[in-house]
Amino acid sequence: MNLRATTSLVCGVLGIAIAVSMLLSGRPRRVQLWFSAFSATIGFWYLAQWLFLSFTATIWQRLTGTIAVLLPQFALNLFEAMLPRESGPKSRLITFGWASAVPVLVLEFSTLIDHRYTQIVEFIYVFALITAGLFQLYQRGD
């Protein structure tokens, strides 16, 4: 096992341990539940990455991509729980995130497109949604 695989395994276990510790700390509030889900998603992403690096099977590569698509969903909900809106509906960014996750997931499981292009689309998707969520959190914090 190389250093990258070992690091992925350690980070995966650490992410899941953080998620479990948040859930075991008494009665968790909404923000703690979303933080736990977010850290568990990061932990599962690292574990899927470790499985792909260890066994190099396509299924682990696709699982890594699928978990990566879910990552901004939990991040956006965590940001919403950190500074909840005083009134009105949920953030449109969360709705857009779920709606845009479907085509990215379809692309992930498509065999017609080279997986390198799929990874580029997933990176843009994850980066753009998390950046937009952080910007929205920054605006509400002011």
N, C-alpha and C. Protein backbone atom coordinates (compact mmCIF):
# COMPACT_ATOMS: atom_id res chain seq x y z
N MET A 1 0.86 -1.18 0.00
CA MET A 1 0.00 0.00 0.00
C MET A 1 0.90 1.24 0.00
N ASN A 2 0.63 2.14 -0.94
CA ASN A 2 1.44 3.35 -1.04
C ASN A 2 0.95 4.42 -0.05
N LEU A 3 1.69 5.52 -0.02
CA LEU A 3 1.39 6.58 0.95
C LEU A 3 0.03 7.22 0.70
N ARG A 4 -0.33 7.41 -0.56
CA ARG A 4 -1.62 8.03 -0.88
C ARG A 4 -2.79 7.16 -0.41
N ALA A 5 -2.68 5.86 -0.61
CA ALA A 5 -3.74 4.95 -0.17
C ALA A 5 -3.83 4.93 1.35
N THR A 6 -2.69 4.91 2.01
CA THR A 6 -2.69 4.91 3.48
C THR A 6 -3.29 6.19 4.03
N THR A 7 -2.92 7.32 3.41
CA THR A 7 -3.47 8.60 3.85
C THR A 7 -4.98 8.64 3.65
N SER A 8 -5.47 8.10 2.53
CA SER A 8 -6.91 8.06 2.27
C SER A 8 -7.63 7.22 3.30
N LEU A 9 -7.03 6.10 3.68
CA LEU A 9 -7.65 5.25 4.69
C LEU A 9 -7.72 5.96 6.04
N VAL A 10 -6.65 6.61 6.44
CA VAL A 10 -6.63 7.32 7.73
C VAL A 10 -7.64 8.46 7.72
N CYS A 11 -7.68 9.23 6.63
CA CYS A 11 -8.63 10.35 6.54
C CYS A 11 -10.08 9.85 6.54
N GLY A 12 -10.32 8.72 5.88
CA GLY A 12 -11.67 8.16 5.87
C GLY A 12 -12.13 7.75 7.25
N VAL A 13 -11.27 7.06 7.96
CA VAL A 13 -11.61 6.63 9.32
C VAL A 13 -11.79 7.85 10.22
N LEU A 14 -10.93 8.85 10.05
CA LEU A 14 -11.03 10.06 10.86
C LEU A 14 -12.34 10.81 10.60
N GLY A 15 -12.74 10.93 9.33
CA GLY A 15 -13.99 11.60 8.99
C GLY A 15 -15.20 10.90 9.59
N ILE A 16 -15.22 9.59 9.53
CA ILE A 16 -16.33 8.83 10.09
C ILE A 16 -16.31 8.90 11.62
N ALA A 17 -15.11 8.90 12.20
CA ALA A 17 -15.01 9.02 13.66
C ALA A 17 -15.55 10.38 14.14
N ILE A 18 -15.26 11.43 13.40
CA ILE A 18 -15.79 12.75 13.74
C ILE A 18 -17.31 12.74 13.65
N ALA A 19 -17.84 12.13 12.59
CA ALA A 19 -19.30 12.06 12.43
C ALA A 19 -19.95 11.30 13.57
N VAL A 20 -19.38 10.19 13.95
CA VAL A 20 -19.95 9.38 15.04
C VAL A 20 -19.84 10.13 16.37
N SER A 21 -18.72 10.80 16.61
CA SER A 21 -18.57 11.51 17.87
C SER A 21 -19.57 12.66 18.00
N MET A 22 -19.90 13.29 16.87
CA MET A 22 -20.92 14.35 16.90
C MET A 22 -22.29 13.78 17.26
N LEU A 23 -22.57 12.59 16.76
CA LEU A 23 -23.87 11.98 17.05
C LEU A 23 -23.96 11.44 18.48
N LEU A 24 -22.82 11.10 19.06
CA LEU A 24 -22.82 10.55 20.41
C LEU A 24 -22.74 11.61 21.51
N SER A 25 -22.66 12.87 21.13
CA SER A 25 -22.49 13.93 22.13
C SER A 25 -23.83 14.46 22.62
N GLY A 26 -24.63 13.59 23.14
CA GLY A 26 -25.93 14.01 23.65
C GLY A 26 -26.95 14.13 22.52
N ARG A 27 -27.95 14.93 22.78
CA ARG A 27 -28.99 15.13 21.78
C ARG A 27 -28.50 16.18 20.77
N PRO A 28 -28.17 15.74 19.55
CA PRO A 28 -27.60 16.69 18.59
C PRO A 28 -28.65 17.66 18.04
N ARG A 29 -28.20 18.88 17.84
CA ARG A 29 -29.06 19.88 17.19
C ARG A 29 -28.95 19.71 15.68
N ARG A 30 -29.73 20.52 14.98
CA ARG A 30 -29.78 20.42 13.52
C ARG A 30 -28.41 20.67 12.88
N VAL A 31 -27.70 21.66 13.36
CA VAL A 31 -26.39 21.98 12.79
C VAL A 31 -25.40 20.84 13.04
N GLN A 32 -25.51 20.19 14.19
CA GLN A 32 -24.62 19.06 14.47
C GLN A 32 -24.94 17.86 13.59
N LEU A 33 -26.22 17.65 13.30
CA LEU A 33 -26.59 16.56 12.40
C LEU A 33 -26.05 16.78 11.00
N TRP A 34 -26.16 18.01 10.49
CA TRP A 34 -25.64 18.30 9.16
C TRP A 34 -24.13 18.24 9.14
N PHE A 35 -23.46 18.68 10.21
CA PHE A 35 -22.02 18.57 10.26
C PHE A 35 -21.60 17.11 10.28
N SER A 36 -22.34 16.30 11.02
CA SER A 36 -22.05 14.87 11.07
C SER A 36 -22.23 14.23 9.70
N ALA A 37 -23.29 14.59 8.99
CA ALA A 37 -23.51 14.05 7.65
C ALA A 37 -22.42 14.51 6.69
N PHE A 38 -22.02 15.77 6.81
CA PHE A 38 -20.96 16.31 5.95
C PHE A 38 -19.63 15.60 6.20
N SER A 39 -19.26 15.43 7.46
CA SER A 39 -17.99 14.76 7.76
C SER A 39 -18.04 13.27 7.42
N ALA A 40 -19.20 12.64 7.57
CA ALA A 40 -19.33 11.24 7.17
C ALA A 40 -19.18 11.10 5.65
N THR A 41 -19.73 12.05 4.91
CA THR A 41 -19.59 12.02 3.46
C THR A 41 -18.13 12.16 3.05
N ILE A 42 -17.42 13.06 3.71
CA ILE A 42 -15.99 13.21 3.43
C ILE A 42 -15.26 11.91 3.79
N GLY A 43 -15.61 11.31 4.93
CA GLY A 43 -14.99 10.05 5.33
C GLY A 43 -15.26 8.94 4.34
N PHE A 44 -16.50 8.81 3.89
CA PHE A 44 -16.83 7.77 2.91
C PHE A 44 -16.14 8.04 1.57
N TRP A 45 -15.98 9.31 1.21
CA TRP A 45 -15.27 9.64 -0.03
C TRP A 45 -13.82 9.16 0.06
N TYR A 46 -13.18 9.43 1.18
CA TYR A 46 -11.80 8.97 1.36
C TYR A 46 -11.71 7.45 1.38
N LEU A 47 -12.68 6.78 1.99
CA LEU A 47 -12.66 5.32 2.00
C LEU A 47 -12.87 4.75 0.60
N ALA A 48 -13.75 5.36 -0.18
CA ALA A 48 -13.94 4.92 -1.56
C ALA A 48 -12.68 5.18 -2.38
N GLN A 49 -12.03 6.30 -2.12
CA GLN A 49 -10.75 6.60 -2.79
C GLN A 49 -9.70 5.56 -2.42
N TRP A 50 -9.67 5.16 -1.15
CA TRP A 50 -8.74 4.14 -0.70
C TRP A 50 -9.02 2.81 -1.39
N LEU A 51 -10.29 2.43 -1.49
CA LEU A 51 -10.64 1.19 -2.17
C LEU A 51 -10.23 1.23 -3.64
N PHE A 52 -10.43 2.39 -4.28
CA PHE A 52 -10.03 2.50 -5.68
C PHE A 52 -8.51 2.41 -5.82
N LEU A 53 -7.78 3.07 -4.93
CA LEU A 53 -6.31 3.02 -5.01
C LEU A 53 -5.78 1.63 -4.68
N SER A 54 -6.47 0.89 -3.85
CA SER A 54 -6.02 -0.44 -3.45
C SER A 54 -6.38 -1.51 -4.47
N PHE A 55 -7.57 -1.41 -5.06
CA PHE A 55 -8.04 -2.49 -5.93
C PHE A 55 -8.23 -2.07 -7.38
N THR A 56 -8.16 -0.79 -7.69
CA THR A 56 -8.29 -0.21 -9.03
C THR A 56 -9.45 -0.79 -9.85
N ALA A 57 -10.56 -1.01 -9.22
CA ALA A 57 -11.76 -1.46 -9.93
C ALA A 57 -12.61 -0.24 -10.28
N THR A 58 -13.27 -0.29 -11.40
CA THR A 58 -14.08 0.83 -11.88
C THR A 58 -15.21 1.16 -10.91
N ILE A 59 -15.74 0.16 -10.23
CA ILE A 59 -16.86 0.40 -9.32
C ILE A 59 -16.46 1.37 -8.21
N TRP A 60 -15.22 1.27 -7.73
CA TRP A 60 -14.78 2.17 -6.66
C TRP A 60 -14.56 3.58 -7.19
N GLN A 61 -14.15 3.69 -8.44
CA GLN A 61 -14.00 5.01 -9.06
C GLN A 61 -15.37 5.67 -9.20
N ARG A 62 -16.37 4.91 -9.61
CA ARG A 62 -17.72 5.46 -9.76
C ARG A 62 -18.34 5.79 -8.40
N LEU A 63 -18.06 4.96 -7.38
CA LEU A 63 -18.56 5.25 -6.04
C LEU A 63 -17.93 6.53 -5.49
N THR A 64 -16.65 6.74 -5.75
CA THR A 64 -15.98 7.96 -5.34
C THR A 64 -16.66 9.17 -5.98
N GLY A 65 -16.97 9.07 -7.27
CA GLY A 65 -17.65 10.17 -7.97
C GLY A 65 -19.04 10.42 -7.45
N THR A 66 -19.76 9.35 -7.14
CA THR A 66 -21.12 9.49 -6.63
C THR A 66 -21.11 10.18 -5.27
N ILE A 67 -20.20 9.80 -4.41
CA ILE A 67 -20.11 10.44 -3.10
C ILE A 67 -19.68 11.89 -3.24
N ALA A 68 -18.82 12.18 -4.22
CA ALA A 68 -18.40 13.56 -4.45
C ALA A 68 -19.58 14.43 -4.87
N VAL A 69 -20.52 13.87 -5.61
CA VAL A 69 -21.71 14.63 -6.01
C VAL A 69 -22.59 14.94 -4.80
N LEU A 70 -22.60 14.08 -3.82
CA LEU A 70 -23.40 14.31 -2.61
C LEU A 70 -22.76 15.30 -1.65
N LEU A 71 -21.47 15.48 -1.76
CA LEU A 71 -20.74 16.35 -0.83
C LEU A 71 -21.29 17.78 -0.76
N PRO A 72 -21.52 18.47 -1.89
CA PRO A 72 -22.04 19.84 -1.77
C PRO A 72 -23.46 19.90 -1.20
N GLN A 73 -24.23 18.83 -1.36
CA GLN A 73 -25.59 18.84 -0.82
C GLN A 73 -25.55 18.96 0.71
N PHE A 74 -24.69 18.16 1.33
CA PHE A 74 -24.57 18.22 2.78
C PHE A 74 -23.90 19.51 3.22
N ALA A 75 -22.95 20.01 2.44
CA ALA A 75 -22.29 21.28 2.78
C ALA A 75 -23.29 22.43 2.74
N LEU A 76 -24.13 22.49 1.71
CA LEU A 76 -25.10 23.57 1.60
C LEU A 76 -26.11 23.53 2.74
N ASN A 77 -26.56 22.34 3.10
CA ASN A 77 -27.49 22.22 4.22
C ASN A 77 -26.81 22.58 5.54
N LEU A 78 -25.52 22.26 5.68
CA LEU A 78 -24.78 22.65 6.87
C LEU A 78 -24.68 24.17 6.95
N PHE A 79 -24.37 24.82 5.84
CA PHE A 79 -24.28 26.28 5.83
C PHE A 79 -25.62 26.91 6.18
N GLU A 80 -26.70 26.31 5.67
CA GLU A 80 -28.04 26.82 5.96
C GLU A 80 -28.37 26.66 7.45
N ALA A 81 -27.92 25.56 8.06
CA ALA A 81 -28.19 25.32 9.48
C ALA A 81 -27.32 26.21 10.37
N MET A 82 -26.16 26.62 9.88
CA MET A 82 -25.28 27.47 10.69
C MET A 82 -25.89 28.85 10.91
N LEU A 83 -26.43 29.42 9.86
CA LEU A 83 -27.12 30.71 9.95
C LEU A 83 -28.49 30.56 9.30
N PRO A 84 -29.46 30.06 10.05
CA PRO A 84 -30.78 29.82 9.44
C PRO A 84 -31.46 31.12 9.04
N ARG A 85 -32.27 31.00 8.03
CA ARG A 85 -33.06 32.16 7.57
C ARG A 85 -34.15 32.44 8.59
N GLU A 86 -34.45 33.71 8.76
CA GLU A 86 -35.48 34.08 9.72
C GLU A 86 -36.87 33.78 9.20
N SER A 87 -37.05 33.92 7.90
CA SER A 87 -38.35 33.61 7.31
C SER A 87 -38.15 33.24 5.85
N GLY A 88 -39.18 32.70 5.28
CA GLY A 88 -39.12 32.38 3.87
C GLY A 88 -38.74 30.92 3.62
N PRO A 89 -38.73 30.55 2.35
CA PRO A 89 -38.43 29.17 2.00
C PRO A 89 -36.93 28.87 2.11
N LYS A 90 -36.60 27.62 1.87
CA LYS A 90 -35.21 27.19 1.87
C LYS A 90 -34.44 27.91 0.78
N SER A 91 -33.17 27.82 0.86
CA SER A 91 -32.30 28.43 -0.12
C SER A 91 -32.54 27.83 -1.51
N ARG A 92 -32.59 28.70 -2.51
CA ARG A 92 -32.73 28.20 -3.88
C ARG A 92 -31.47 27.48 -4.33
N LEU A 93 -30.36 27.77 -3.69
CA LEU A 93 -29.12 27.10 -4.03
C LEU A 93 -29.19 25.61 -3.69
N ILE A 94 -29.84 25.27 -2.59
CA ILE A 94 -30.00 23.86 -2.23
C ILE A 94 -30.87 23.15 -3.26
N THR A 95 -31.96 23.80 -3.67
CA THR A 95 -32.83 23.21 -4.69
C THR A 95 -32.08 23.05 -6.00
N PHE A 96 -31.32 24.07 -6.39
CA PHE A 96 -30.52 23.98 -7.61
C PHE A 96 -29.48 22.87 -7.50
N GLY A 97 -28.89 22.72 -6.32
CA GLY A 97 -27.89 21.67 -6.11
C GLY A 97 -28.45 20.28 -6.33
N TRP A 98 -29.65 20.02 -5.78
CA TRP A 98 -30.27 18.71 -5.99
C TRP A 98 -30.67 18.51 -7.44
N ALA A 99 -31.20 19.57 -8.07
CA ALA A 99 -31.62 19.45 -9.48
C ALA A 99 -30.42 19.23 -10.40
N SER A 100 -29.32 19.87 -10.10
CA SER A 100 -28.14 19.71 -10.96
C SER A 100 -27.36 18.44 -10.62
N ALA A 101 -27.64 17.82 -9.50
CA ALA A 101 -26.95 16.57 -9.15
C ALA A 101 -27.38 15.43 -10.06
N VAL A 102 -28.61 15.45 -10.51
CA VAL A 102 -29.13 14.36 -11.33
C VAL A 102 -28.35 14.22 -12.64
N PRO A 103 -28.16 15.30 -13.43
CA PRO A 103 -27.38 15.12 -14.66
C PRO A 103 -25.93 14.72 -14.41
N VAL A 104 -25.36 15.21 -13.31
CA VAL A 104 -23.97 14.85 -13.01
C VAL A 104 -23.89 13.37 -12.64
N LEU A 105 -24.87 12.86 -11.90
CA LEU A 105 -24.89 11.43 -11.58
C LEU A 105 -25.11 10.58 -12.82
N VAL A 106 -25.96 11.04 -13.72
CA VAL A 106 -26.16 10.31 -14.98
C VAL A 106 -24.86 10.28 -15.76
N LEU A 107 -24.16 11.39 -15.78
CA LEU A 107 -22.87 11.46 -16.45
C LEU A 107 -21.85 10.53 -15.80
N GLU A 108 -21.92 10.41 -14.48
CA GLU A 108 -21.00 9.54 -13.75
C GLU A 108 -21.15 8.08 -14.17
N PHE A 109 -22.37 7.64 -14.40
CA PHE A 109 -22.60 6.24 -14.74
C PHE A 109 -22.71 6.00 -16.24
N SER A 110 -22.49 7.03 -17.02
CA SER A 110 -22.51 6.89 -18.47
C SER A 110 -21.19 6.28 -18.95
N THR A 111 -21.29 5.37 -19.88
CA THR A 111 -20.09 4.77 -20.46
C THR A 111 -19.74 5.40 -21.80
N LEU A 112 -20.52 6.37 -22.24
CA LEU A 112 -20.29 7.00 -23.53
C LEU A 112 -19.21 8.07 -23.48
N ILE A 113 -18.95 8.61 -22.31
CA ILE A 113 -18.00 9.71 -22.16
C ILE A 113 -16.80 9.21 -21.34
N ASP A 114 -15.62 9.67 -21.74
CA ASP A 114 -14.40 9.32 -21.02
C ASP A 114 -14.50 9.81 -19.58
N HIS A 115 -14.06 8.98 -18.64
CA HIS A 115 -14.23 9.30 -17.22
C HIS A 115 -13.42 10.54 -16.80
N ARG A 116 -12.36 10.86 -17.52
CA ARG A 116 -11.60 12.07 -17.19
C ARG A 116 -12.48 13.31 -17.34
N TYR A 117 -13.32 13.34 -18.39
CA TYR A 117 -14.21 14.48 -18.58
C TYR A 117 -15.29 14.52 -17.51
N THR A 118 -15.73 13.35 -17.11
CA THR A 118 -16.71 13.28 -16.03
C THR A 118 -16.12 13.84 -14.73
N GLN A 119 -14.88 13.52 -14.46
CA GLN A 119 -14.23 14.03 -13.25
C GLN A 119 -14.08 15.55 -13.30
N ILE A 120 -13.83 16.09 -14.48
CA ILE A 120 -13.74 17.54 -14.62
C ILE A 120 -15.08 18.19 -14.33
N VAL A 121 -16.16 17.63 -14.88
CA VAL A 121 -17.50 18.16 -14.63
C VAL A 121 -17.84 18.06 -13.15
N GLU A 122 -17.51 16.93 -12.53
CA GLU A 122 -17.79 16.77 -11.10
C GLU A 122 -17.00 17.77 -10.26
N PHE A 123 -15.75 18.01 -10.61
CA PHE A 123 -14.95 18.98 -9.87
C PHE A 123 -15.56 20.37 -9.98
N ILE A 124 -15.96 20.76 -11.18
CA ILE A 124 -16.58 22.08 -11.37
C ILE A 124 -17.87 22.17 -10.58
N TYR A 125 -18.67 21.11 -10.62
CA TYR A 125 -19.94 21.06 -9.90
C TYR A 125 -19.73 21.23 -8.40
N VAL A 126 -18.83 20.45 -7.83
CA VAL A 126 -18.58 20.49 -6.39
C VAL A 126 -17.98 21.85 -6.00
N PHE A 127 -16.98 22.30 -6.74
CA PHE A 127 -16.33 23.56 -6.42
C PHE A 127 -17.30 24.73 -6.53
N ALA A 128 -18.09 24.76 -7.59
CA ALA A 128 -19.01 25.89 -7.80
C ALA A 128 -20.08 25.93 -6.71
N LEU A 129 -20.66 24.79 -6.37
CA LEU A 129 -21.72 24.79 -5.36
C LEU A 129 -21.19 25.14 -3.96
N ILE A 130 -20.05 24.59 -3.60
CA ILE A 130 -19.52 24.89 -2.27
C ILE A 130 -19.07 26.35 -2.20
N THR A 131 -18.48 26.86 -3.29
CA THR A 131 -18.08 28.27 -3.30
C THR A 131 -19.30 29.18 -3.22
N ALA A 132 -20.35 28.86 -3.97
CA ALA A 132 -21.58 29.65 -3.92
C ALA A 132 -22.21 29.58 -2.52
N GLY A 133 -22.18 28.39 -1.90
CA GLY A 133 -22.72 28.25 -0.55
C GLY A 133 -21.92 29.05 0.47
N LEU A 134 -20.60 29.04 0.35
CA LEU A 134 -19.77 29.84 1.26
C LEU A 134 -19.99 31.33 1.05
N PHE A 135 -20.16 31.73 -0.21
CA PHE A 135 -20.43 33.15 -0.49
C PHE A 135 -21.78 33.56 0.10
N GLN A 136 -22.78 32.70 -0.05
CA GLN A 136 -24.09 32.99 0.52
C GLN A 136 -24.01 33.05 2.04
N LEU A 137 -23.24 32.17 2.65
CA LEU A 137 -23.05 32.18 4.11
C LEU A 137 -22.36 33.47 4.54
N TYR A 138 -21.37 33.91 3.77
CA TYR A 138 -20.68 35.15 4.05
C TYR A 138 -21.63 36.35 3.99
N GLN A 139 -22.48 36.36 2.98
CA GLN A 139 -23.44 37.47 2.85
C GLN A 139 -24.43 37.49 4.00
N ARG A 140 -24.91 36.35 4.42
CA ARG A 140 -25.86 36.31 5.53
C ARG A 140 -25.20 36.63 6.85
N GLY A 141 -23.89 36.37 6.96
CA GLY A 141 -23.17 36.64 8.20
C GLY A 141 -22.96 38.12 8.44
N ASP A 142 -23.01 38.89 7.37
CA ASP A 142 -22.82 40.35 7.53
C ASP A 142 -24.04 40.94 8.05
